[in-house]
Amino acid sequence: MKKIIGLTLLAIFLAECSTVPITGRKRLNFVNDAEILPASFAQYQTFLKENKLSTNTKQTNQIKRVGKNISEAVDRFLRANGKVAEADAYKWEFNLVEDKTVNAWCLPGGKVVFYTGIMPICANEDGVAAVMGHEVAHAFAKHGQERMSTGQLQQLGGVALALSTQNSKNAEMWNMAYGLGTQVGVMLPFSREHETEADKLGLVFMIMAGYNGEEAAEVWVRMSERSGGGAPPEFMSTHPSNQTRIQTLRAFLPEAKKLAAKYNVAPAK
């Protein structure tokens, strides 16, 4: 039975492994967009009904303007590279919610929310573009779908573990080891990989949209100053440290400019 489950997991992995455009990273995704996007869109509308939209017209318009510019850059890339159906699947929407939390997020399919608490960290329109590019990149790279796929595989792995330890006196110990291993050894580094990839892709997209890419690192300088060094150790965090992000973004900026120039072309008619 263990062998069968192992072979099944391997077959799924090989069959559903695709490549993230631009970065070239191999990803696992067997969650169908037709399955996840309606749920994502419904969840977004529910959130908007249950939370207060900002009454700051200037900031709200800025969020919508920057979101439109960056999503159009993504759309240009997709259509120029023959991904018309994927471009059509996105239903981009950008809203600013009244909340002091320093956060922003994007659901699969292009539904973005900024909290008013992150606006001082953004500080200017290029800063908004840096955060927007990062969030849009999560949707572009289908990180949500990939995490769901990985979660489903973990569940299957748990079944295999239960079968292999059902007659073992050390079953409890192995289950504890499995739990720790999946959280620290797999899920947290995997999440940091997503965050780093979104940082890099977002940098490319904001430059494609005409924004100053140097501001991306400065957002994290301001975030670091705000946190006062109180973040958890990087190996126990789902995100890279602020300093790691600053270094990564500054080092990647020359390459991001080259990629933006390469991909910032109109689709063939």
C-alpha atoms as a PDB file:
ATOM      1  CA  MET A   1       0.000   0.000   0.000  1.00  0.00           C
ATOM      2  CA  LYS A   2       2.827   2.425   0.890  1.00  0.00           C
ATOM      3  CA  LYS A   3       4.432   1.735  -2.460  1.00  0.00           C
ATOM      4  CA  ILE A   4       1.189   2.376  -4.316  1.00  0.00           C
ATOM      5  CA  ILE A   5       0.624   5.695  -2.547  1.00  0.00           C
ATOM      6  CA  GLY A   6       4.231   6.715  -3.157  1.00  0.00           C
ATOM      7  CA  LEU A   7       3.979   5.933  -6.855  1.00  0.00           C
ATOM      8  CA  THR A   8       0.667   7.801  -7.029  1.00  0.00           C
ATOM      9  CA  LEU A   9       2.229  10.898  -5.446  1.00  0.00           C
ATOM     10  CA  LEU A  10       5.149  10.728  -7.867  1.00  0.00           C
ATOM     11  CA  ALA A  11       2.821  10.348 -10.865  1.00  0.00           C
ATOM     12  CA  ILE A  12       0.770  13.357  -9.774  1.00  0.00           C
ATOM     13  CA  PHE A  13       3.906  15.438  -9.282  1.00  0.00           C
ATOM     14  CA  LEU A  14       5.327  14.580 -12.708  1.00  0.00           C
ATOM     15  CA  ALA A  15       2.016  15.029 -14.524  1.00  0.00           C
ATOM     16  CA  GLU A  16       1.107  18.375 -12.986  1.00  0.00           C
ATOM     17  CA  CYS A  17       4.480  20.114 -12.908  1.00  0.00           C
ATOM     18  CA  SER A  18       4.488  23.336 -14.941  1.00  0.00           C
ATOM     19  CA  THR A  19       6.743  26.382 -15.205  1.00  0.00           C
ATOM     20  CA  VAL A  20       6.223  29.876 -13.813  1.00  0.00           C
ATOM     21  CA  PRO A  21       6.653  32.354 -16.693  1.00  0.00           C
ATOM     22  CA  ILE A  22       9.668  34.697 -16.491  1.00  0.00           C
ATOM     23  CA  THR A  23      11.307  33.026 -13.458  1.00  0.00           C
ATOM     24  CA  GLY A  24      11.255  29.542 -14.997  1.00  0.00           C
ATOM     25  CA  ARG A  25      10.619  27.869 -11.623  1.00  0.00           C
ATOM     26  CA  LYS A  26       8.932  24.483 -11.733  1.00  0.00           C
ATOM     27  CA  ARG A  27       5.652  24.460  -9.833  1.00  0.00           C
ATOM     28  CA  LEU A  28       3.059  21.869  -8.880  1.00  0.00           C
ATOM     29  CA  ASN A  29      -0.512  22.771  -9.765  1.00  0.00           C
ATOM     30  CA  PHE A  30      -3.392  20.386 -10.256  1.00  0.00           C
ATOM     31  CA  VAL A  31      -6.094  22.821  -9.065  1.00  0.00           C
ATOM     32  CA  ASN A  32      -8.225  23.878 -12.019  1.00  0.00           C
ATOM     33  CA  ASP A  33      -8.874  27.610 -12.452  1.00  0.00           C
ATOM     34  CA  ALA A  34     -12.502  26.869 -13.313  1.00  0.00           C
ATOM     35  CA  GLU A  35     -12.720  25.294  -9.885  1.00  0.00           C
ATOM     36  CA  ILE A  36     -10.963  27.902  -7.760  1.00  0.00           C
ATOM     37  CA  LEU A  37     -11.728  31.255  -9.417  1.00  0.00           C
ATOM     38  CA  PRO A  38     -15.517  31.358  -8.807  1.00  0.00           C
ATOM     39  CA  ALA A  39     -14.867  30.598  -5.130  1.00  0.00           C
ATOM     40  CA  SER A  40     -12.142  33.247  -5.023  1.00  0.00           C
ATOM     41  CA  PHE A  41     -14.383  35.896  -6.559  1.00  0.00           C
ATOM     42  CA  ALA A  42     -17.240  35.040  -4.180  1.00  0.00           C
ATOM     43  CA  GLN A  43     -14.912  35.201  -1.178  1.00  0.00           C
ATOM     44  CA  TYR A  44     -13.682  38.612  -2.285  1.00  0.00           C
ATOM     45  CA  GLN A  45     -17.204  40.015  -2.545  1.00  0.00           C
ATOM     46  CA  THR A  46     -18.052  38.630   0.887  1.00  0.00           C
ATOM     47  CA  PHE A  47     -14.975  40.314   2.335  1.00  0.00           C
ATOM     48  CA  LEU A  48     -15.913  43.666   0.797  1.00  0.00           C
ATOM     49  CA  LYS A  49     -19.426  43.429   2.240  1.00  0.00           C
ATOM     50  CA  GLU A  50     -18.083  42.667   5.710  1.00  0.00           C
ATOM     51  CA  ASN A  51     -15.375  45.359   5.751  1.00  0.00           C
ATOM     52  CA  LYS A  52     -15.453  49.120   5.346  1.00  0.00           C
ATOM     53  CA  LEU A  53     -14.023  50.617   2.181  1.00  0.00           C
ATOM     54  CA  SER A  54     -11.822  53.658   2.677  1.00  0.00           C
ATOM     55  CA  THR A  55     -13.436  57.047   2.248  1.00  0.00           C
ATOM     56  CA  ASN A  56     -10.073  58.569   1.310  1.00  0.00           C
ATOM     57  CA  THR A  57     -10.782  59.318  -2.336  1.00  0.00           C
ATOM     58  CA  LYS A  58      -7.197  60.271  -3.180  1.00  0.00           C
ATOM     59  CA  GLN A  59      -5.713  57.035  -1.832  1.00  0.00           C
ATOM     60  CA  THR A  60      -8.518  54.894  -3.256  1.00  0.00           C
ATOM     61  CA  ASN A  61      -8.031  56.377  -6.719  1.00  0.00           C
ATOM     62  CA  GLN A  62      -4.285  55.829  -6.398  1.00  0.00           C
ATOM     63  CA  ILE A  63      -4.796  52.132  -5.587  1.00  0.00           C
ATOM     64  CA  LYS A  64      -7.129  51.689  -8.542  1.00  0.00           C
ATOM     65  CA  ARG A  65      -4.868  53.621 -10.922  1.00  0.00           C
ATOM     66  CA  VAL A  66      -1.702  51.749  -9.979  1.00  0.00           C
ATOM     67  CA  GLY A  67      -3.534  48.420 -10.019  1.00  0.00           C
ATOM     68  CA  LYS A  68      -4.860  49.130 -13.503  1.00  0.00           C
ATOM     69  CA  ASN A  69      -1.407  50.049 -14.810  1.00  0.00           C
ATOM     70  CA  ILE A  70       0.320  46.992 -13.384  1.00  0.00           C
ATOM     71  CA  SER A  71      -2.424  44.539 -14.340  1.00  0.00           C
ATOM     72  CA  GLU A  72      -2.252  45.908 -17.880  1.00  0.00           C
ATOM     73  CA  ALA A  73       1.480  45.158 -17.909  1.00  0.00           C
ATOM     74  CA  VAL A  74       0.703  41.573 -16.869  1.00  0.00           C
ATOM     75  CA  ASP A  75      -1.996  41.371 -19.520  1.00  0.00           C
ATOM     76  CA  ARG A  76       0.435  42.576 -22.196  1.00  0.00           C
ATOM     77  CA  PHE A  77       2.926  39.921 -21.212  1.00  0.00           C
ATOM     78  CA  LEU A  78       0.350  37.126 -21.252  1.00  0.00           C
ATOM     79  CA  ARG A  79      -1.135  38.061 -24.611  1.00  0.00           C
ATOM     80  CA  ALA A  80       2.254  38.662 -26.231  1.00  0.00           C
ATOM     81  CA  ASN A  81       3.271  35.168 -25.126  1.00  0.00           C
ATOM     82  CA  GLY A  82       0.187  33.390 -26.426  1.00  0.00           C
ATOM     83  CA  LYS A  83      -1.578  33.033 -23.052  1.00  0.00           C
ATOM     84  CA  VAL A  84      -4.820  34.663 -24.179  1.00  0.00           C
ATOM     85  CA  ALA A  85      -7.164  32.338 -22.268  1.00  0.00           C
ATOM     86  CA  GLU A  86      -5.199  32.923 -19.070  1.00  0.00           C
ATOM     87  CA  ALA A  87      -5.292  36.693 -19.602  1.00  0.00           C
ATOM     88  CA  ASP A  88      -9.054  36.547 -20.119  1.00  0.00           C
ATOM     89  CA  ALA A  89      -9.529  34.546 -16.894  1.00  0.00           C
ATOM     90  CA  TYR A  90      -8.315  37.376 -14.673  1.00  0.00           C
ATOM     91  CA  LYS A  91     -10.997  39.693 -13.314  1.00  0.00           C
ATOM     92  CA  TRP A  92      -8.831  42.423 -11.855  1.00  0.00           C
ATOM     93  CA  GLU A  93     -10.251  44.499  -9.022  1.00  0.00           C
ATOM     94  CA  PHE A  94      -8.502  46.836  -6.586  1.00  0.00           C
ATOM     95  CA  ASN A  95      -9.910  48.186  -3.333  1.00  0.00           C
ATOM     96  CA  LEU A  96      -8.651  50.075  -0.288  1.00  0.00           C
ATOM     97  CA  VAL A  97     -10.130  48.919   3.025  1.00  0.00           C
ATOM     98  CA  GLU A  98     -10.230  50.913   6.259  1.00  0.00           C
ATOM     99  CA  ASP A  99      -7.976  48.879   8.530  1.00  0.00           C
ATOM    100  CA  LYS A 100      -4.851  49.826  10.524  1.00  0.00           C
ATOM    101  CA  THR A 101      -3.208  46.487   9.740  1.00  0.00           C
ATOM    102  CA  VAL A 102      -0.057  46.874   7.622  1.00  0.00           C
ATOM    103  CA  ASN A 103      -1.069  44.478   4.881  1.00  0.00           C
ATOM    104  CA  ALA A 104      -2.215  43.910   1.317  1.00  0.00           C
ATOM    105  CA  TRP A 105      -3.209  40.707  -0.475  1.00  0.00           C
ATOM    106  CA  CYS A 106      -4.408  39.279  -3.770  1.00  0.00           C
ATOM    107  CA  LEU A 107      -6.717  36.310  -4.254  1.00  0.00           C
ATOM    108  CA  PRO A 108      -6.420  33.963  -7.259  1.00  0.00           C
ATOM    109  CA  GLY A 109      -7.847  35.597 -10.359  1.00  0.00           C
ATOM    110  CA  GLY A 110      -6.704  39.131  -9.550  1.00  0.00           C
ATOM    111  CA  LYS A 111      -8.766  40.379  -6.603  1.00  0.00           C
ATOM    112  CA  VAL A 112      -6.590  42.811  -4.636  1.00  0.00           C
ATOM    113  CA  VAL A 113      -7.092  44.528  -1.277  1.00  0.00           C
ATOM    114  CA  PHE A 114      -4.857  47.161   0.326  1.00  0.00           C
ATOM    115  CA  TYR A 115      -5.385  48.103   3.974  1.00  0.00           C
ATOM    116  CA  THR A 116      -5.076  51.776   4.868  1.00  0.00           C
ATOM    117  CA  GLY A 117      -2.424  50.770   7.414  1.00  0.00           C
ATOM    118  CA  ILE A 118       0.086  49.988   4.668  1.00  0.00           C
ATOM    119  CA  MET A 119      -0.221  53.345   2.924  1.00  0.00           C
ATOM    120  CA  PRO A 120       2.348  55.165   5.138  1.00  0.00           C
ATOM    121  CA  ILE A 121       4.814  52.355   4.363  1.00  0.00           C
ATOM    122  CA  CYS A 122       4.143  52.769   0.643  1.00  0.00           C
ATOM    123  CA  ALA A 123       4.722  56.519   1.135  1.00  0.00           C
ATOM    124  CA  ASN A 124       4.371  57.421  -2.573  1.00  0.00           C
ATOM    125  CA  GLU A 125       2.959  56.105  -5.835  1.00  0.00           C
ATOM    126  CA  ASP A 126       6.098  54.126  -6.671  1.00  0.00           C
ATOM    127  CA  GLY A 127       5.840  52.495  -3.248  1.00  0.00           C
ATOM    128  CA  VAL A 128       2.222  51.587  -3.923  1.00  0.00           C
ATOM    129  CA  ALA A 129       3.358  50.126  -7.249  1.00  0.00           C
ATOM    130  CA  ALA A 130       5.995  48.008  -5.491  1.00  0.00           C
ATOM    131  CA  VAL A 131       3.433  46.478  -3.139  1.00  0.00           C
ATOM    132  CA  MET A 132       0.880  46.162  -5.939  1.00  0.00           C
ATOM    133  CA  GLY A 133       3.379  44.449  -8.213  1.00  0.00           C
ATOM    134  CA  HIS A 134       4.181  41.949  -5.468  1.00  0.00           C
ATOM    135  CA  GLU A 135       0.528  41.120  -4.823  1.00  0.00           C
ATOM    136  CA  VAL A 136      -0.368  40.879  -8.507  1.00  0.00           C
ATOM    137  CA  ALA A 137       2.637  38.590  -8.972  1.00  0.00           C
ATOM    138  CA  HIS A 138       1.153  36.107  -6.499  1.00  0.00           C
ATOM    139  CA  ALA A 139      -1.875  35.768  -8.764  1.00  0.00           C
ATOM    140  CA  PHE A 140       0.252  35.701 -11.928  1.00  0.00           C
ATOM    141  CA  ALA A 141       2.433  32.869 -10.614  1.00  0.00           C
ATOM    142  CA  LYS A 142      -0.652  31.037  -9.278  1.00  0.00           C
ATOM    143  CA  HIS A 143       0.817  30.713  -5.815  1.00  0.00           C
ATOM    144  CA  GLY A 144      -2.618  30.151  -4.278  1.00  0.00           C
ATOM    145  CA  GLN A 145      -3.321  27.236  -6.583  1.00  0.00           C
ATOM    146  CA  GLU A 146       0.135  25.804  -5.930  1.00  0.00           C
ATOM    147  CA  ARG A 147      -0.318  25.951  -2.164  1.00  0.00           C
ATOM    148  CA  MET A 148      -3.660  24.195  -2.446  1.00  0.00           C
ATOM    149  CA  SER A 149      -2.039  21.488  -4.571  1.00  0.00           C
ATOM    150  CA  THR A 150       0.779  21.056  -2.067  1.00  0.00           C
ATOM    151  CA  GLY A 151      -1.701  20.890   0.797  1.00  0.00           C
ATOM    152  CA  GLN A 152      -3.608  18.095  -0.922  1.00  0.00           C
ATOM    153  CA  LEU A 153      -0.378  16.160  -1.428  1.00  0.00           C
ATOM    154  CA  GLN A 154       0.482  16.614   2.232  1.00  0.00           C
ATOM    155  CA  GLN A 155      -2.852  15.070   3.157  1.00  0.00           C
ATOM    156  CA  LEU A 156      -2.052  12.055   0.998  1.00  0.00           C
ATOM    157  CA  GLY A 157       1.383  11.911   2.618  1.00  0.00           C
ATOM    158  CA  GLY A 158      -0.289  11.838   6.024  1.00  0.00           C
ATOM    159  CA  VAL A 159      -2.341   8.850   4.935  1.00  0.00           C
ATOM    160  CA  ALA A 160       0.803   7.043   3.815  1.00  0.00           C
ATOM    161  CA  LEU A 161       2.462   7.786   7.145  1.00  0.00           C
ATOM    162  CA  ALA A 162      -0.486   6.452   9.114  1.00  0.00           C
ATOM    163  CA  LEU A 163      -0.394   3.208   7.167  1.00  0.00           C
ATOM    164  CA  SER A 164       3.340   2.814   7.645  1.00  0.00           C
ATOM    165  CA  THR A 165       3.244   3.396  11.419  1.00  0.00           C
ATOM    166  CA  GLN A 166      -0.038   1.734  12.407  1.00  0.00           C
ATOM    167  CA  ASN A 167       1.747  -1.202  14.016  1.00  0.00           C
ATOM    168  CA  SER A 168       4.676   0.737  15.384  1.00  0.00           C
ATOM    169  CA  LYS A 169       5.235   1.612  19.039  1.00  0.00           C
ATOM    170  CA  ASN A 170       6.896   4.783  17.812  1.00  0.00           C
ATOM    171  CA  ALA A 171       3.894   5.959  15.767  1.00  0.00           C
ATOM    172  CA  GLU A 172       3.286   9.021  17.945  1.00  0.00           C
ATOM    173  CA  MET A 173       6.911  10.105  17.697  1.00  0.00           C
ATOM    174  CA  TRP A 174       6.897   9.766  13.916  1.00  0.00           C
ATOM    175  CA  ASN A 175       3.651  11.715  13.624  1.00  0.00           C
ATOM    176  CA  MET A 176       5.194  14.529  15.663  1.00  0.00           C
ATOM    177  CA  ALA A 177       8.270  14.465  13.448  1.00  0.00           C
ATOM    178  CA  TYR A 178       6.085  14.539  10.345  1.00  0.00           C
ATOM    179  CA  GLY A 179       4.144  17.514  11.641  1.00  0.00           C
ATOM    180  CA  LEU A 180       7.274  19.479  12.463  1.00  0.00           C
ATOM    181  CA  GLY A 181       8.899  18.483   9.211  1.00  0.00           C
ATOM    182  CA  THR A 182       5.992  19.623   7.066  1.00  0.00           C
ATOM    183  CA  GLN A 183       5.695  22.946   8.849  1.00  0.00           C
ATOM    184  CA  VAL A 184       9.315  23.982   9.211  1.00  0.00           C
ATOM    185  CA  GLY A 185      11.006  21.804   6.619  1.00  0.00           C
ATOM    186  CA  VAL A 186       8.536  22.212   3.759  1.00  0.00           C
ATOM    187  CA  MET A 187       5.742  24.721   4.165  1.00  0.00           C
ATOM    188  CA  LEU A 188       7.676  27.686   5.584  1.00  0.00           C
ATOM    189  CA  PRO A 189      10.601  27.618   3.127  1.00  0.00           C
ATOM    190  CA  PHE A 190       8.089  26.983   0.343  1.00  0.00           C
ATOM    191  CA  SER A 191       6.176  30.101   1.367  1.00  0.00           C
ATOM    192  CA  ARG A 192       9.380  32.138   1.483  1.00  0.00           C
ATOM    193  CA  GLU A 193      10.119  30.919  -2.048  1.00  0.00           C
ATOM    194  CA  HIS A 194       6.752  32.295  -3.138  1.00  0.00           C
ATOM    195  CA  GLU A 195       7.426  35.617  -1.456  1.00  0.00           C
ATOM    196  CA  THR A 196      10.833  35.994  -3.080  1.00  0.00           C
ATOM    197  CA  GLU A 197       9.423  35.056  -6.472  1.00  0.00           C
ATOM    198  CA  ALA A 198       6.604  37.596  -6.048  1.00  0.00           C
ATOM    199  CA  ASP A 199       9.158  40.260  -5.080  1.00  0.00           C
ATOM    200  CA  LYS A 200      11.122  39.633  -8.272  1.00  0.00           C
ATOM    201  CA  LEU A 201       8.119  39.347 -10.588  1.00  0.00           C
ATOM    202  CA  GLY A 202       6.505  42.373  -8.985  1.00  0.00           C
ATOM    203  CA  LEU A 203       9.653  44.384  -9.610  1.00  0.00           C
ATOM    204  CA  VAL A 204       9.521  43.474 -13.306  1.00  0.00           C
ATOM    205  CA  PHE A 205       5.825  44.348 -13.568  1.00  0.00           C
ATOM    206  CA  MET A 206       6.109  47.719 -11.814  1.00  0.00           C
ATOM    207  CA  ILE A 207       8.961  48.710 -14.141  1.00  0.00           C
ATOM    208  CA  MET A 208       6.929  47.554 -17.148  1.00  0.00           C
ATOM    209  CA  ALA A 209       4.137  49.837 -15.915  1.00  0.00           C
ATOM    210  CA  GLY A 210       6.491  52.834 -15.818  1.00  0.00           C
ATOM    211  CA  TYR A 211       7.288  53.009 -12.101  1.00  0.00           C
ATOM    212  CA  ASN A 212      10.652  53.457 -10.390  1.00  0.00           C
ATOM    213  CA  GLY A 213      11.918  50.013  -9.427  1.00  0.00           C
ATOM    214  CA  GLU A 214      14.383  51.412  -6.882  1.00  0.00           C
ATOM    215  CA  GLU A 215      11.446  52.164  -4.615  1.00  0.00           C
ATOM    216  CA  ALA A 216      10.679  48.447  -4.122  1.00  0.00           C
ATOM    217  CA  ALA A 217      13.634  47.986  -1.769  1.00  0.00           C
ATOM    218  CA  GLU A 218      12.845  51.292  -0.040  1.00  0.00           C
ATOM    219  CA  VAL A 219       9.401  49.965   0.927  1.00  0.00           C
ATOM    220  CA  TRP A 220      11.149  47.236   2.896  1.00  0.00           C
ATOM    221  CA  VAL A 221      13.590  49.734   4.399  1.00  0.00           C
ATOM    222  CA  ARG A 222      10.575  51.589   5.794  1.00  0.00           C
ATOM    223  CA  MET A 223       8.981  48.300   6.878  1.00  0.00           C
ATOM    224  CA  SER A 224      12.180  47.390   8.706  1.00  0.00           C
ATOM    225  CA  GLU A 225      12.303  50.758  10.453  1.00  0.00           C
ATOM    226  CA  ARG A 226       8.696  50.313  11.543  1.00  0.00           C
ATOM    227  CA  SER A 227       9.226  46.790  12.916  1.00  0.00           C
ATOM    228  CA  GLY A 228      12.222  47.860  14.978  1.00  0.00           C
ATOM    229  CA  GLY A 229      13.855  44.459  14.552  1.00  0.00           C
ATOM    230  CA  GLY A 230      10.980  42.626  16.220  1.00  0.00           C
ATOM    231  CA  ALA A 231      10.390  40.091  13.428  1.00  0.00           C
ATOM    232  CA  PRO A 232      10.767  36.348  14.157  1.00  0.00           C
ATOM    233  CA  PRO A 233      13.912  34.464  13.026  1.00  0.00           C
ATOM    234  CA  GLU A 234      13.779  34.016   9.258  1.00  0.00           C
ATOM    235  CA  PHE A 235      13.834  30.205   9.421  1.00  0.00           C
ATOM    236  CA  MET A 236      10.627  30.317  11.513  1.00  0.00           C
ATOM    237  CA  SER A 237       8.864  32.874   9.342  1.00  0.00           C
ATOM    238  CA  THR A 238       6.683  32.440   6.284  1.00  0.00           C
ATOM    239  CA  HIS A 239       8.370  35.499   4.773  1.00  0.00           C
ATOM    240  CA  PRO A 240      12.001  36.392   4.095  1.00  0.00           C
ATOM    241  CA  SER A 241      13.452  38.877   6.576  1.00  0.00           C
ATOM    242  CA  ASN A 242      13.228  42.555   5.705  1.00  0.00           C
ATOM    243  CA  GLN A 243      16.995  42.734   5.184  1.00  0.00           C
ATOM    244  CA  THR A 244      16.943  39.699   2.890  1.00  0.00           C
ATOM    245  CA  ARG A 245      14.216  41.291   0.791  1.00  0.00           C
ATOM    246  CA  ILE A 246      16.081  44.591   0.569  1.00  0.00           C
ATOM    247  CA  GLN A 247      19.246  42.829  -0.590  1.00  0.00           C
ATOM    248  CA  THR A 248      17.357  40.628  -3.058  1.00  0.00           C
ATOM    249  CA  LEU A 249      15.461  43.498  -4.630  1.00  0.00           C
ATOM    250  CA  ARG A 250      18.535  45.708  -5.000  1.00  0.00           C
ATOM    251  CA  ALA A 251      20.578  42.865  -6.476  1.00  0.00           C
ATOM    252  CA  PHE A 252      17.798  41.901  -8.905  1.00  0.00           C
ATOM    253  CA  LEU A 253      17.007  45.446 -10.074  1.00  0.00           C
ATOM    254  CA  PRO A 254      19.400  45.485 -13.099  1.00  0.00           C
ATOM    255  CA  GLU A 255      18.005  42.148 -14.306  1.00  0.00           C
ATOM    256  CA  ALA A 256      14.440  43.322 -13.685  1.00  0.00           C
ATOM    257  CA  LYS A 257      15.039  46.355 -15.904  1.00  0.00           C
ATOM    258  CA  LYS A 258      16.326  44.114 -18.699  1.00  0.00           C
ATOM    259  CA  LEU A 259      13.362  41.761 -18.370  1.00  0.00           C
ATOM    260  CA  ALA A 260      10.905  44.658 -18.311  1.00  0.00           C
ATOM    261  CA  ALA A 261      12.376  46.049 -21.534  1.00  0.00           C
ATOM    262  CA  LYS A 262      12.259  42.605 -23.102  1.00  0.00           C
ATOM    263  CA  TYR A 263       8.659  41.837 -22.179  1.00  0.00           C
ATOM    264  CA  ASN A 264       7.119  45.303 -22.386  1.00  0.00           C
ATOM    265  CA  VAL A 265       5.840  44.817 -25.909  1.00  0.00           C
ATOM    266  CA  ALA A 266       2.361  44.984 -27.313  1.00  0.00           C
ATOM    267  CA  PRO A 267       0.758  41.663 -28.335  1.00  0.00           C
ATOM    268  CA  ALA A 268       0.774  40.858 -32.040  1.00  0.00           C
ATOM    269  CA  LYS A 269      -2.436  41.699 -33.857  1.00  0.00           C
END
